[in-house]
Amino acid sequence: MLKIQKNKPSLFDAFKSVAAAMLGVQKDENRVRDFEQGSPTVYIVIGIIFILLFLGTVGLIVSLVLSQPVS
């Protein structure tokens, strides 16, 4: 039986849920809580932030690698 919290997920819980979902390790219990009690807008905004951070990190790594002189 799943334990479901009665209160809404906090902002930190939303960040944890989005990060876990992007890595593919989201617990079913948390997913159910997010869909039943969370605001979709919060998860969408946090997801966009995570995607932009990921793309920025990849872009930074690529630019660092390409700027290295070939030996």
PDB file of N, CA and C in Angstrom:
ATOM      1  N   MET A   1       0.837  -1.168   0.000  1.00  0.00           N
ATOM      2  CA  MET A   1       0.000   0.000   0.000  1.00  0.00           C
ATOM      3  C   MET A   1       0.885   1.236   0.000  1.00  0.00           C
ATOM      4  N   LEU A   2       0.572   2.198  -0.858  1.00  0.00           N
ATOM      5  CA  LEU A   2       1.360   3.407  -0.952  1.00  0.00           C
ATOM      6  C   LEU A   2       0.969   4.400   0.128  1.00  0.00           C
ATOM      7  N   LYS A   3       1.982   5.019   0.734  1.00  0.00           N
ATOM      8  CA  LYS A   3       1.733   6.082   1.692  1.00  0.00           C
ATOM      9  C   LYS A   3       1.715   7.393   0.917  1.00  0.00           C
ATOM     10  N   ILE A   4       0.654   8.144   1.047  1.00  0.00           N
ATOM     11  CA  ILE A   4       0.544   9.404   0.342  1.00  0.00           C
ATOM     12  C   ILE A   4       0.467  10.526   1.368  1.00  0.00           C
ATOM     13  N   GLN A   5       1.347  11.535   1.185  1.00  0.00           N
ATOM     14  CA  GLN A   5       1.344  12.667   2.096  1.00  0.00           C
ATOM     15  C   GLN A   5       0.075  13.486   1.888  1.00  0.00           C
ATOM     16  N   LYS A   6      -0.391  14.101   2.945  1.00  0.00           N
ATOM     17  CA  LYS A   6      -1.599  14.910   2.863  1.00  0.00           C
ATOM     18  C   LYS A   6      -1.303  16.333   2.403  1.00  0.00           C
ATOM     19  N   ASN A   7      -0.047  16.808   2.565  1.00  0.00           N
ATOM     20  CA  ASN A   7       0.274  18.170   2.174  1.00  0.00           C
ATOM     21  C   ASN A   7       0.940  18.201   0.799  1.00  0.00           C
ATOM     22  N   LYS A   8       0.966  19.392   0.194  1.00  0.00           N
ATOM     23  CA  LYS A   8       1.548  19.556  -1.127  1.00  0.00           C
ATOM     24  C   LYS A   8       3.062  19.395  -1.044  1.00  0.00           C
ATOM     25  N   PRO A   9       3.682  18.889  -2.102  1.00  0.00           N
ATOM     26  CA  PRO A   9       5.141  18.767  -2.118  1.00  0.00           C
ATOM     27  C   PRO A   9       5.793  20.150  -2.048  1.00  0.00           C
ATOM     28  N   SER A  10       6.890  20.252  -1.311  1.00  0.00           N
ATOM     29  CA  SER A  10       7.610  21.516  -1.220  1.00  0.00           C
ATOM     30  C   SER A  10       8.388  21.762  -2.509  1.00  0.00           C
ATOM     31  N   LEU A  11       8.954  22.945  -2.628  1.00  0.00           N
ATOM     32  CA  LEU A  11       9.757  23.272  -3.803  1.00  0.00           C
ATOM     33  C   LEU A  11      10.966  22.345  -3.894  1.00  0.00           C
ATOM     34  N   PHE A  12      11.573  22.037  -2.751  1.00  0.00           N
ATOM     35  CA  PHE A  12      12.712  21.114  -2.736  1.00  0.00           C
ATOM     36  C   PHE A  12      12.280  19.715  -3.177  1.00  0.00           C
ATOM     37  N   ASP A  13      11.101  19.274  -2.756  1.00  0.00           N
ATOM     38  CA  ASP A  13      10.570  17.979  -3.200  1.00  0.00           C
ATOM     39  C   ASP A  13      10.366  17.970  -4.709  1.00  0.00           C
ATOM     40  N   ALA A  14       9.912  19.094  -5.246  1.00  0.00           N
ATOM     41  CA  ALA A  14       9.710  19.192  -6.699  1.00  0.00           C
ATOM     42  C   ALA A  14      11.042  19.098  -7.422  1.00  0.00           C
ATOM     43  N   PHE A  15      12.083  19.778  -6.920  1.00  0.00           N
ATOM     44  CA  PHE A  15      13.409  19.684  -7.537  1.00  0.00           C
ATOM     45  C   PHE A  15      13.923  18.249  -7.501  1.00  0.00           C
ATOM     46  N   LYS A  16      13.761  17.591  -6.351  1.00  0.00           N
ATOM     47  CA  LYS A  16      14.204  16.198  -6.234  1.00  0.00           C
ATOM     48  C   LYS A  16      13.447  15.295  -7.200  1.00  0.00           C
ATOM     49  N   SER A  17      12.151  15.502  -7.325  1.00  0.00           N
ATOM     50  CA  SER A  17      11.333  14.671  -8.207  1.00  0.00           C
ATOM     51  C   SER A  17      11.729  14.848  -9.664  1.00  0.00           C
ATOM     52  N   VAL A  18      11.956  16.097 -10.078  1.00  0.00           N
ATOM     53  CA  VAL A  18      12.348  16.358 -11.465  1.00  0.00           C
ATOM     54  C   VAL A  18      13.719  15.755 -11.751  1.00  0.00           C
ATOM     55  N   ALA A  19      14.660  15.925 -10.829  1.00  0.00           N
ATOM     56  CA  ALA A  19      15.994  15.369 -11.017  1.00  0.00           C
ATOM     57  C   ALA A  19      15.934  13.837 -11.101  1.00  0.00           C
ATOM     58  N   ALA A  20      15.168  13.223 -10.224  1.00  0.00           N
ATOM     59  CA  ALA A  20      15.053  11.761 -10.236  1.00  0.00           C
ATOM     60  C   ALA A  20      14.372  11.278 -11.509  1.00  0.00           C
ATOM     61  N   ALA A  21      13.356  12.001 -11.954  1.00  0.00           N
ATOM     62  CA  ALA A  21      12.657  11.614 -13.175  1.00  0.00           C
ATOM     63  C   ALA A  21      13.568  11.734 -14.393  1.00  0.00           C
ATOM     64  N   MET A  22      14.394  12.771 -14.439  1.00  0.00           N
ATOM     65  CA  MET A  22      15.312  12.942 -15.571  1.00  0.00           C
ATOM     66  C   MET A  22      16.384  11.858 -15.591  1.00  0.00           C
ATOM     67  N   LEU A  23      16.745  11.356 -14.432  1.00  0.00           N
ATOM     68  CA  LEU A  23      17.718  10.271 -14.366  1.00  0.00           C
ATOM     69  C   LEU A  23      17.059   8.903 -14.521  1.00  0.00           C
ATOM     70  N   GLY A  24      15.738   8.868 -14.474  1.00  0.00           N
ATOM     71  CA  GLY A  24      15.012   7.610 -14.638  1.00  0.00           C
ATOM     72  C   GLY A  24      14.926   6.766 -13.388  1.00  0.00           C
ATOM     73  N   VAL A  25      15.059   7.384 -12.226  1.00  0.00           N
ATOM     74  CA  VAL A  25      15.023   6.634 -10.969  1.00  0.00           C
ATOM     75  C   VAL A  25      13.909   7.119 -10.047  1.00  0.00           C
ATOM     76  N   GLN A  26      12.871   7.709 -10.603  1.00  0.00           N
ATOM     77  CA  GLN A  26      11.754   8.239  -9.826  1.00  0.00           C
ATOM     78  C   GLN A  26      10.969   7.102  -9.169  1.00  0.00           C
ATOM     79  N   LYS A  27      10.714   7.213  -7.879  1.00  0.00           N
ATOM     80  CA  LYS A  27       9.906   6.221  -7.171  1.00  0.00           C
ATOM     81  C   LYS A  27       8.446   6.387  -7.563  1.00  0.00           C
ATOM     82  N   ASP A  28       7.739   5.288  -7.649  1.00  0.00           N
ATOM     83  CA  ASP A  28       6.327   5.337  -8.004  1.00  0.00           C
ATOM     84  C   ASP A  28       5.532   6.125  -6.971  1.00  0.00           C
ATOM     85  N   GLU A  29       5.907   5.978  -5.716  1.00  0.00           N
ATOM     86  CA  GLU A  29       5.237   6.697  -4.628  1.00  0.00           C
ATOM     87  C   GLU A  29       5.343   8.216  -4.838  1.00  0.00           C
ATOM     88  N   ASN A  30       6.537   8.691  -5.190  1.00  0.00           N
ATOM     89  CA  ASN A  30       6.728  10.121  -5.423  1.00  0.00           C
ATOM     90  C   ASN A  30       6.008  10.577  -6.684  1.00  0.00           C
ATOM     91  N   ARG A  31       6.010   9.759  -7.714  1.00  0.00           N
ATOM     92  CA  ARG A  31       5.331  10.109  -8.961  1.00  0.00           C
ATOM     93  C   ARG A  31       3.836  10.283  -8.724  1.00  0.00           C
ATOM     94  N   VAL A  32       3.257   9.361  -7.968  1.00  0.00           N
ATOM     95  CA  VAL A  32       1.829   9.446  -7.654  1.00  0.00           C
ATOM     96  C   VAL A  32       1.544  10.711  -6.852  1.00  0.00           C
ATOM     97  N   ARG A  33       2.388  10.992  -5.862  1.00  0.00           N
ATOM     98  CA  ARG A  33       2.216  12.209  -5.055  1.00  0.00           C
ATOM     99  C   ARG A  33       2.295  13.463  -5.925  1.00  0.00           C
ATOM    100  N   ASP A  34       3.264  13.481  -6.838  1.00  0.00           N
ATOM    101  CA  ASP A  34       3.438  14.648  -7.699  1.00  0.00           C
ATOM    102  C   ASP A  34       2.223  14.874  -8.583  1.00  0.00           C
ATOM    103  N   PHE A  35       1.698  13.811  -9.166  1.00  0.00           N
ATOM    104  CA  PHE A  35       0.558  13.959 -10.069  1.00  0.00           C
ATOM    105  C   PHE A  35      -0.733  14.284  -9.331  1.00  0.00           C
ATOM    106  N   GLU A  36      -0.871  13.809  -8.108  1.00  0.00           N
ATOM    107  CA  GLU A  36      -2.121  14.031  -7.378  1.00  0.00           C
ATOM    108  C   GLU A  36      -2.129  15.336  -6.595  1.00  0.00           C
ATOM    109  N   GLN A  37      -0.980  15.764  -6.071  1.00  0.00           N
ATOM    110  CA  GLN A  37      -0.972  16.910  -5.169  1.00  0.00           C
ATOM    111  C   GLN A  37      -0.131  18.072  -5.665  1.00  0.00           C
ATOM    112  N   GLY A  38       0.729  17.853  -6.644  1.00  0.00           N
ATOM    113  CA  GLY A  38       1.618  18.909  -7.111  1.00  0.00           C
ATOM    114  C   GLY A  38       0.987  19.759  -8.201  1.00  0.00           C
ATOM    115  N   SER A  39       1.531  20.956  -8.358  1.00  0.00           N
ATOM    116  CA  SER A  39       1.086  21.859  -9.411  1.00  0.00           C
ATOM    117  C   SER A  39       1.898  21.592 -10.677  1.00  0.00           C
ATOM    118  N   PRO A  40       1.253  21.339 -11.807  1.00  0.00           N
ATOM    119  CA  PRO A  40       1.999  21.047 -13.037  1.00  0.00           C
ATOM    120  C   PRO A  40       2.915  22.193 -13.447  1.00  0.00           C
ATOM    121  N   THR A  41       2.507  23.423 -13.181  1.00  0.00           N
ATOM    122  CA  THR A  41       3.323  24.574 -13.570  1.00  0.00           C
ATOM    123  C   THR A  41       4.689  24.544 -12.894  1.00  0.00           C
ATOM    124  N   VAL A  42       4.725  24.193 -11.629  1.00  0.00           N
ATOM    125  CA  VAL A  42       5.989  24.133 -10.893  1.00  0.00           C
ATOM    126  C   VAL A  42       6.915  23.106 -11.521  1.00  0.00           C
ATOM    127  N   TYR A  43       6.402  21.938 -11.837  1.00  0.00           N
ATOM    128  CA  TYR A  43       7.229  20.874 -12.410  1.00  0.00           C
ATOM    129  C   TYR A  43       7.692  21.227 -13.824  1.00  0.00           C
ATOM    130  N   ILE A  44       6.864  21.905 -14.596  1.00  0.00           N
ATOM    131  CA  ILE A  44       7.247  22.314 -15.948  1.00  0.00           C
ATOM    132  C   ILE A  44       8.375  23.338 -15.888  1.00  0.00           C
ATOM    133  N   VAL A  45       8.241  24.333 -15.019  1.00  0.00           N
ATOM    134  CA  VAL A  45       9.275  25.366 -14.892  1.00  0.00           C
ATOM    135  C   VAL A  45      10.591  24.750 -14.411  1.00  0.00           C
ATOM    136  N   ILE A  46      10.528  23.896 -13.409  1.00  0.00           N
ATOM    137  CA  ILE A  46      11.741  23.249 -12.895  1.00  0.00           C
ATOM    138  C   ILE A  46      12.352  22.359 -13.973  1.00  0.00           C
ATOM    139  N   GLY A  47      11.535  21.655 -14.734  1.00  0.00           N
ATOM    140  CA  GLY A  47      12.036  20.821 -15.829  1.00  0.00           C
ATOM    141  C   GLY A  47      12.757  21.643 -16.880  1.00  0.00           C
ATOM    142  N   ILE A  48      12.203  22.799 -17.232  1.00  0.00           N
ATOM    143  CA  ILE A  48      12.851  23.673 -18.210  1.00  0.00           C
ATOM    144  C   ILE A  48      14.184  24.182 -17.669  1.00  0.00           C
ATOM    145  N   ILE A  49      14.220  24.533 -16.376  1.00  0.00           N
ATOM    146  CA  ILE A  49      15.479  24.979 -15.766  1.00  0.00           C
ATOM    147  C   ILE A  49      16.528  23.874 -15.831  1.00  0.00           C
ATOM    148  N   PHE A  50      16.146  22.641 -15.489  1.00  0.00           N
ATOM    149  CA  PHE A  50      17.074  21.520 -15.540  1.00  0.00           C
ATOM    150  C   PHE A  50      17.581  21.289 -16.966  1.00  0.00           C
ATOM    151  N   ILE A  51      16.707  21.372 -17.951  1.00  0.00           N
ATOM    152  CA  ILE A  51      17.110  21.168 -19.343  1.00  0.00           C
ATOM    153  C   ILE A  51      18.090  22.253 -19.779  1.00  0.00           C
ATOM    154  N   LEU A  52      17.808  23.506 -19.426  1.00  0.00           N
ATOM    155  CA  LEU A  52      18.718  24.595 -19.789  1.00  0.00           C
ATOM    156  C   LEU A  52      20.078  24.433 -19.118  1.00  0.00           C
ATOM    157  N   LEU A  53      20.083  24.024 -17.850  1.00  0.00           N
ATOM    158  CA  LEU A  53      21.359  23.766 -17.166  1.00  0.00           C
ATOM    159  C   LEU A  53      22.126  22.627 -17.838  1.00  0.00           C
ATOM    160  N   PHE A  54      21.419  21.581 -18.222  1.00  0.00           N
ATOM    161  CA  PHE A  54      22.057  20.450 -18.902  1.00  0.00           C
ATOM    162  C   PHE A  54      22.653  20.892 -20.233  1.00  0.00           C
ATOM    163  N   LEU A  55      21.885  21.626 -21.038  1.00  0.00           N
ATOM    164  CA  LEU A  55      22.386  22.083 -22.333  1.00  0.00           C
ATOM    165  C   LEU A  55      23.551  23.047 -22.166  1.00  0.00           C
ATOM    166  N   GLY A  56      23.486  23.917 -21.181  1.00  0.00           N
ATOM    167  CA  GLY A  56      24.596  24.829 -20.915  1.00  0.00           C
ATOM    168  C   GLY A  56      25.855  24.084 -20.510  1.00  0.00           C
ATOM    169  N   THR A  57      25.702  23.056 -19.690  1.00  0.00           N
ATOM    170  CA  THR A  57      26.856  22.255 -19.263  1.00  0.00           C
ATOM    171  C   THR A  57      27.474  21.523 -20.448  1.00  0.00           C
ATOM    172  N   VAL A  58      26.646  20.913 -21.279  1.00  0.00           N
ATOM    173  CA  VAL A  58      27.158  20.215 -22.458  1.00  0.00           C
ATOM    174  C   VAL A  58      27.844  21.206 -23.393  1.00  0.00           C
ATOM    175  N   GLY A  59      27.236  22.357 -23.613  1.00  0.00           N
ATOM    176  CA  GLY A  59      27.856  23.375 -24.466  1.00  0.00           C
ATOM    177  C   GLY A  59      29.185  23.846 -23.921  1.00  0.00           C
ATOM    178  N   LEU A  60      29.287  24.040 -22.610  1.00  0.00           N
ATOM    179  CA  LEU A  60      30.538  24.455 -21.982  1.00  0.00           C
ATOM    180  C   LEU A  60      31.617  23.387 -22.156  1.00  0.00           C
ATOM    181  N   ILE A  61      31.257  22.143 -21.941  1.00  0.00           N
ATOM    182  CA  ILE A  61      32.224  21.051 -22.100  1.00  0.00           C
ATOM    183  C   ILE A  61      32.706  20.973 -23.539  1.00  0.00           C
ATOM    184  N   VAL A  62      31.786  21.073 -24.493  1.00  0.00           N
ATOM    185  CA  VAL A  62      32.173  21.012 -25.910  1.00  0.00           C
ATOM    186  C   VAL A  62      33.087  22.177 -26.268  1.00  0.00           C
ATOM    187  N   SER A  63      32.767  23.384 -25.814  1.00  0.00           N
ATOM    188  CA  SER A  63      33.609  24.529 -26.144  1.00  0.00           C
ATOM    189  C   SER A  63      34.992  24.414 -25.494  1.00  0.00           C
ATOM    190  N   LEU A  64      35.059  23.857 -24.293  1.00  0.00           N
ATOM    191  CA  LEU A  64      36.357  23.645 -23.651  1.00  0.00           C
ATOM    192  C   LEU A  64      37.188  22.617 -24.395  1.00  0.00           C
ATOM    193  N   VAL A  65      36.562  21.561 -24.834  1.00  0.00           N
ATOM    194  CA  VAL A  65      37.286  20.512 -25.566  1.00  0.00           C
ATOM    195  C   VAL A  65      37.766  21.033 -26.920  1.00  0.00           C
ATOM    196  N   LEU A  66      36.932  21.780 -27.608  1.00  0.00           N
ATOM    197  CA  LEU A  66      37.293  22.283 -28.929  1.00  0.00           C
ATOM    198  C   LEU A  66      38.326  23.402 -28.848  1.00  0.00           C
ATOM    199  N   SER A  67      38.438  24.097 -27.737  1.00  0.00           N
ATOM    200  CA  SER A  67      39.408  25.185 -27.616  1.00  0.00           C
ATOM    201  C   SER A  67      40.805  24.682 -27.259  1.00  0.00           C
ATOM    202  N   GLN A  68      40.940  23.417 -26.912  1.00  0.00           N
ATOM    203  CA  GLN A  68      42.236  22.843 -26.581  1.00  0.00           C
ATOM    204  C   GLN A  68      43.062  22.672 -27.857  1.00  0.00           C
ATOM    205  N   PRO A  69      44.347  23.062 -27.818  1.00  0.00           N
ATOM    206  CA  PRO A  69      45.202  22.878 -29.009  1.00  0.00           C
ATOM    207  C   PRO A  69      45.435  21.393 -29.291  1.00  0.00           C
ATOM    208  N   VAL A  70      45.484  21.075 -30.555  1.00  0.00           N
ATOM    209  CA  VAL A  70      45.728  19.689 -30.954  1.00  0.00           C
ATOM    210  C   VAL A  70      47.223  19.434 -30.869  1.00  0.00           C
ATOM    211  N   SER A  71      47.607  18.347 -30.201  1.00  0.00           N
ATOM    212  CA  SER A  71      49.038  18.064 -30.072  1.00  0.00           C
ATOM    213  C   SER A  71      49.487  16.932 -30.955  1.00  0.00           C
TER     214      SER A  71
END
